Structures are given as C-alpha cells and as structure tokens.
Amino acid sequence: MAGIVVKPRARILHGHDWVFSSEVLKVFGNPADGDVISLKDGKDRLIGSAIYNSKSQIVARRFSRRRATAIISFCKPSRWRWTCERI
C-alpha cells in the first residue's frame, strides 16, 4: 500500500487528523489523488489510514488509526461521492 512518512513534529502525532504538505518527510508507493494510504512515523510505525490529495495543502486526512484498504463500506454511495468531491 502506498503512503507517506510524516516528520517528527507533525500534528498528526499529537492527535490531529490532518497531515499538511509541510509535514511530509517522504511519499512512497506513488499514491494517486483519492487513494487510501498508510500513514507512518519516522520509525516506520503505522499511525493510521488516510485519503491522499496531492493538490491540497492538507495532503492526507486520516479516517482510521488502523490499517484500512477502503472507506466505501462506511458510507452510502451518495455520501461517498459528496466526500470525494471535497477531499
């Protein structure tokens, strides 16, 4: 699974659910916008799963503190489309 490694002082390590572009240490696996990605700290520990958006200053929005491959099952189709359009 593609993902990002966050810098040591990233807000997500202190409870925030967003990763800002300035807090990214490394991107791996070539994620596309809208992909579910893994979030890792500098010691390669998983800190959650997020939706990736390279076109935003908020490059990742965490939706789980565990590994997840998709969030479609959590949403109704109409709600999923609405969410994707705003990410």
Protein backbone atom coordinates (compact mmCIF):
# COMPACT_ATOMS: atom_id res chain seq x y z
CA MET A 1 0.00 0.00 0.00
CA ALA A 2 1.21 3.48 -0.85
CA GLY A 3 1.65 6.03 1.88
CA ILE A 4 3.55 8.84 3.49
CA VAL A 5 6.05 9.19 6.30
CA VAL A 6 5.48 12.24 8.47
CA LYS A 7 8.07 14.47 10.08
CA PRO A 8 8.78 14.01 13.81
CA ARG A 9 6.85 17.14 14.87
CA ALA A 10 3.81 16.57 12.64
CA ARG A 11 0.46 17.47 14.22
CA ILE A 12 -0.95 14.03 13.44
CA LEU A 13 1.44 12.55 16.02
CA HIS A 14 -0.27 14.72 18.63
CA GLY A 15 -3.87 13.77 17.85
CA HIS A 16 -4.74 15.89 14.82
CA ASP A 17 -6.30 14.02 11.87
CA TRP A 18 -4.81 16.05 9.02
CA VAL A 19 -1.31 15.94 7.52
CA PHE A 20 -0.16 19.19 5.97
CA SER A 21 2.22 19.21 3.00
CA SER A 22 4.95 20.83 5.10
CA GLU A 23 4.83 17.84 7.50
CA VAL A 24 5.58 15.15 4.90
CA LEU A 25 9.02 13.59 5.13
CA LYS A 26 8.58 11.06 2.30
CA VAL A 27 5.92 9.73 -0.08
CA PHE A 28 6.21 6.07 -1.06
CA GLY A 29 4.34 3.79 -3.46
CA ASN A 30 3.22 6.56 -5.86
CA PRO A 31 -0.30 7.23 -4.49
CA ALA A 32 -2.92 8.87 -6.71
CA ASP A 33 -5.30 11.55 -5.51
CA GLY A 34 -8.21 9.91 -3.68
CA ASP A 35 -6.27 6.75 -2.80
CA VAL A 36 -6.38 5.22 0.66
CA ILE A 37 -2.82 5.43 2.01
CA SER A 38 -0.86 4.32 5.06
CA LEU A 39 0.46 6.95 7.43
CA LYS A 40 3.76 6.13 9.12
CA ASP A 41 6.04 7.86 11.57
CA GLY A 42 9.80 8.16 11.13
CA LYS A 43 10.33 4.77 12.80
CA ASP A 44 8.14 3.01 10.20
CA ARG A 45 5.27 2.51 12.68
CA LEU A 46 1.74 2.67 11.31
CA ILE A 47 -0.23 5.64 12.65
CA GLY A 48 -3.33 5.16 10.55
CA SER A 49 -5.01 5.23 7.17
CA ALA A 50 -5.98 8.33 5.23
CA ILE A 51 -7.25 9.70 1.95
CA TYR A 52 -4.47 11.28 -0.15
CA ASN A 53 -4.70 14.56 -2.10
CA SER A 54 -1.50 15.94 -3.61
CA LYS A 55 -3.29 19.07 -4.86
CA SER A 56 -4.14 20.35 -1.38
CA GLN A 57 -2.07 21.77 1.46
CA ILE A 58 -3.79 19.07 3.52
CA VAL A 59 -2.28 16.08 1.72
CA ALA A 60 -3.84 13.41 3.93
CA ARG A 61 -6.98 13.19 6.01
CA ARG A 62 -6.92 10.33 8.50
CA PHE A 63 -10.11 8.29 8.82
CA SER A 64 -8.75 5.40 10.91
CA ARG A 65 -5.96 4.80 13.38
CA ARG A 66 -5.61 1.28 11.94
CA ARG A 67 -4.73 -0.14 8.54
CA ALA A 68 -7.69 0.09 6.18
CA THR A 69 -7.93 -0.57 2.46
CA ALA A 70 -11.17 1.28 1.69
CA ILE A 71 -13.75 3.51 3.31
CA ILE A 72 -16.56 2.87 0.84
CA SER A 73 -18.22 0.35 3.13
CA PHE A 74 -18.62 3.04 5.80
CA CYS A 75 -20.62 5.40 3.57
CA LYS A 76 -23.72 5.40 1.45
CA PRO A 77 -22.88 5.83 -2.26
CA SER A 78 -24.32 9.37 -2.44
CA ARG A 79 -22.41 10.42 0.66
CA TRP A 80 -19.21 8.82 -0.72
CA ARG A 81 -19.43 10.90 -3.91
CA TRP A 82 -20.00 14.06 -1.85
CA THR A 83 -16.97 13.28 0.33
CA CYS A 84 -14.68 12.53 -2.62
CA GLU A 85 -15.58 15.77 -4.35
CA ARG A 86 -14.46 17.75 -1.31
CA ILE A 87 -11.23 15.92 -0.48
